[in-house]
């Protein structure tokens, strides 16, 4: 798993489908979904997929926020 698309595909396996037109909103919702999956026991904090997805989402969130700051 290397990209945001990869994270979306992984979440799709668990029934999550991204319907947000705004990329930052989609990233935020995916982070919430991962947290809920952790709480329900689907993932453990030490799971490679969970940790990788968290890092990818954090990176993408930072990139999107930097883009929006440079617009104004």
C-alpha atoms as a PDB file:
ATOM      1  CA  UNK A   1       0.000   0.000   0.000  1.00  0.00           C
ATOM      2  CA  UNK A   2       1.558   3.278  -1.147  1.00  0.00           C
ATOM      3  CA  UNK A   3      -1.151   5.708  -2.238  1.00  0.00           C
ATOM      4  CA  UNK A   4      -4.463   7.143  -1.125  1.00  0.00           C
ATOM      5  CA  UNK A   5      -6.105   5.008  -3.793  1.00  0.00           C
ATOM      6  CA  UNK A   6      -4.613   1.910  -2.161  1.00  0.00           C
ATOM      7  CA  UNK A   7      -6.129   2.947   1.183  1.00  0.00           C
ATOM      8  CA  UNK A   8      -9.504   3.480  -0.496  1.00  0.00           C
ATOM      9  CA  UNK A   9      -9.314   0.020  -2.062  1.00  0.00           C
ATOM     10  CA  UNK A  10      -8.431  -1.559   1.281  1.00  0.00           C
ATOM     11  CA  UNK A  11     -11.373   0.168   2.976  1.00  0.00           C
ATOM     12  CA  UNK A  12     -13.652  -0.889   0.135  1.00  0.00           C
ATOM     13  CA  UNK A  13     -12.992  -4.511   1.132  1.00  0.00           C
ATOM     14  CA  UNK A  14     -14.632  -3.677   4.478  1.00  0.00           C
ATOM     15  CA  UNK A  15     -17.645  -1.969   2.913  1.00  0.00           C
ATOM     16  CA  UNK A  16     -16.389   1.612   2.874  1.00  0.00           C
ATOM     17  CA  UNK A  17     -16.996   3.527  -0.341  1.00  0.00           C
ATOM     18  CA  UNK A  18     -15.757   7.094  -0.698  1.00  0.00           C
ATOM     19  CA  UNK A  19     -18.553   9.410  -1.828  1.00  0.00           C
ATOM     20  CA  UNK A  20     -16.954  12.705  -0.842  1.00  0.00           C
ATOM     21  CA  UNK A  21     -16.196  15.088  -3.699  1.00  0.00           C
ATOM     22  CA  UNK A  22     -13.743  17.056  -1.547  1.00  0.00           C
ATOM     23  CA  UNK A  23     -10.433  15.238  -1.123  1.00  0.00           C
ATOM     24  CA  UNK A  24      -9.721  16.594   2.372  1.00  0.00           C
ATOM     25  CA  UNK A  25     -13.185  15.552   3.584  1.00  0.00           C
ATOM     26  CA  UNK A  26     -12.609  12.069   2.174  1.00  0.00           C
ATOM     27  CA  UNK A  27      -9.262  11.792   3.954  1.00  0.00           C
ATOM     28  CA  UNK A  28     -10.777  12.907   7.251  1.00  0.00           C
ATOM     29  CA  UNK A  29     -13.609  10.409   6.931  1.00  0.00           C
ATOM     30  CA  UNK A  30     -11.172   7.592   6.110  1.00  0.00           C
ATOM     31  CA  UNK A  31      -9.213   8.451   9.254  1.00  0.00           C
ATOM     32  CA  UNK A  32     -12.422   8.221  11.282  1.00  0.00           C
ATOM     33  CA  UNK A  33     -13.278   4.889   9.646  1.00  0.00           C
ATOM     34  CA  UNK A  34      -9.843   3.494  10.513  1.00  0.00           C
ATOM     35  CA  UNK A  35     -10.304   4.589  14.129  1.00  0.00           C
ATOM     36  CA  UNK A  36     -13.672   2.837  14.291  1.00  0.00           C
ATOM     37  CA  UNK A  37     -12.175  -0.284  12.759  1.00  0.00           C
ATOM     38  CA  UNK A  38      -9.516  -0.238  15.448  1.00  0.00           C
ATOM     39  CA  UNK A  39     -12.133   0.184  18.193  1.00  0.00           C
ATOM     40  CA  UNK A  40     -14.214  -2.725  16.892  1.00  0.00           C
ATOM     41  CA  UNK A  41     -11.204  -5.018  16.666  1.00  0.00           C
ATOM     42  CA  UNK A  42     -10.955  -5.326  12.895  1.00  0.00           C
ATOM     43  CA  UNK A  43      -7.426  -3.960  13.176  1.00  0.00           C
ATOM     44  CA  UNK A  44      -4.871  -4.000  15.964  1.00  0.00           C
ATOM     45  CA  UNK A  45      -2.550  -1.048  16.545  1.00  0.00           C
ATOM     46  CA  UNK A  46       0.351  -3.207  15.435  1.00  0.00           C
ATOM     47  CA  UNK A  47      -1.217  -4.314  12.112  1.00  0.00           C
ATOM     48  CA  UNK A  48       0.935  -3.338   9.155  1.00  0.00           C
ATOM     49  CA  UNK A  49      -2.044  -2.341   6.976  1.00  0.00           C
ATOM     50  CA  UNK A  50      -3.477  -0.148   9.717  1.00  0.00           C
ATOM     51  CA  UNK A  51      -0.188   1.640  10.378  1.00  0.00           C
ATOM     52  CA  UNK A  52       0.564   2.107   6.690  1.00  0.00           C
ATOM     53  CA  UNK A  53      -2.929   3.479   6.006  1.00  0.00           C
ATOM     54  CA  UNK A  54      -2.569   5.943   8.906  1.00  0.00           C
ATOM     55  CA  UNK A  55       0.749   7.206   7.566  1.00  0.00           C
ATOM     56  CA  UNK A  56      -0.593   7.586   4.034  1.00  0.00           C
ATOM     57  CA  UNK A  57      -3.665   9.471   5.251  1.00  0.00           C
ATOM     58  CA  UNK A  58      -1.547  11.768   7.427  1.00  0.00           C
ATOM     59  CA  UNK A  59       0.746  12.514   4.481  1.00  0.00           C
ATOM     60  CA  UNK A  60      -2.167  13.189   2.121  1.00  0.00           C
ATOM     61  CA  UNK A  61      -3.881  15.400   4.700  1.00  0.00           C
ATOM     62  CA  UNK A  62      -0.701  17.463   5.104  1.00  0.00           C
ATOM     63  CA  UNK A  63      -0.337  17.824   1.326  1.00  0.00           C
ATOM     64  CA  UNK A  64      -3.959  18.929   0.903  1.00  0.00           C
ATOM     65  CA  UNK A  65      -3.690  21.464   3.724  1.00  0.00           C
ATOM     66  CA  UNK A  66      -0.490  22.876   2.227  1.00  0.00           C
ATOM     67  CA  UNK A  67      -2.249  23.204  -1.146  1.00  0.00           C
ATOM     68  CA  UNK A  68      -5.167  25.090   0.408  1.00  0.00           C
ATOM     69  CA  UNK A  69      -2.839  27.428   2.314  1.00  0.00           C
ATOM     70  CA  UNK A  70      -0.943  28.392  -0.830  1.00  0.00           C
ATOM     71  CA  UNK A  71      -4.163  29.199  -2.702  1.00  0.00           C
ATOM     72  CA  UNK A  72      -4.901  32.189  -0.524  1.00  0.00           C
END
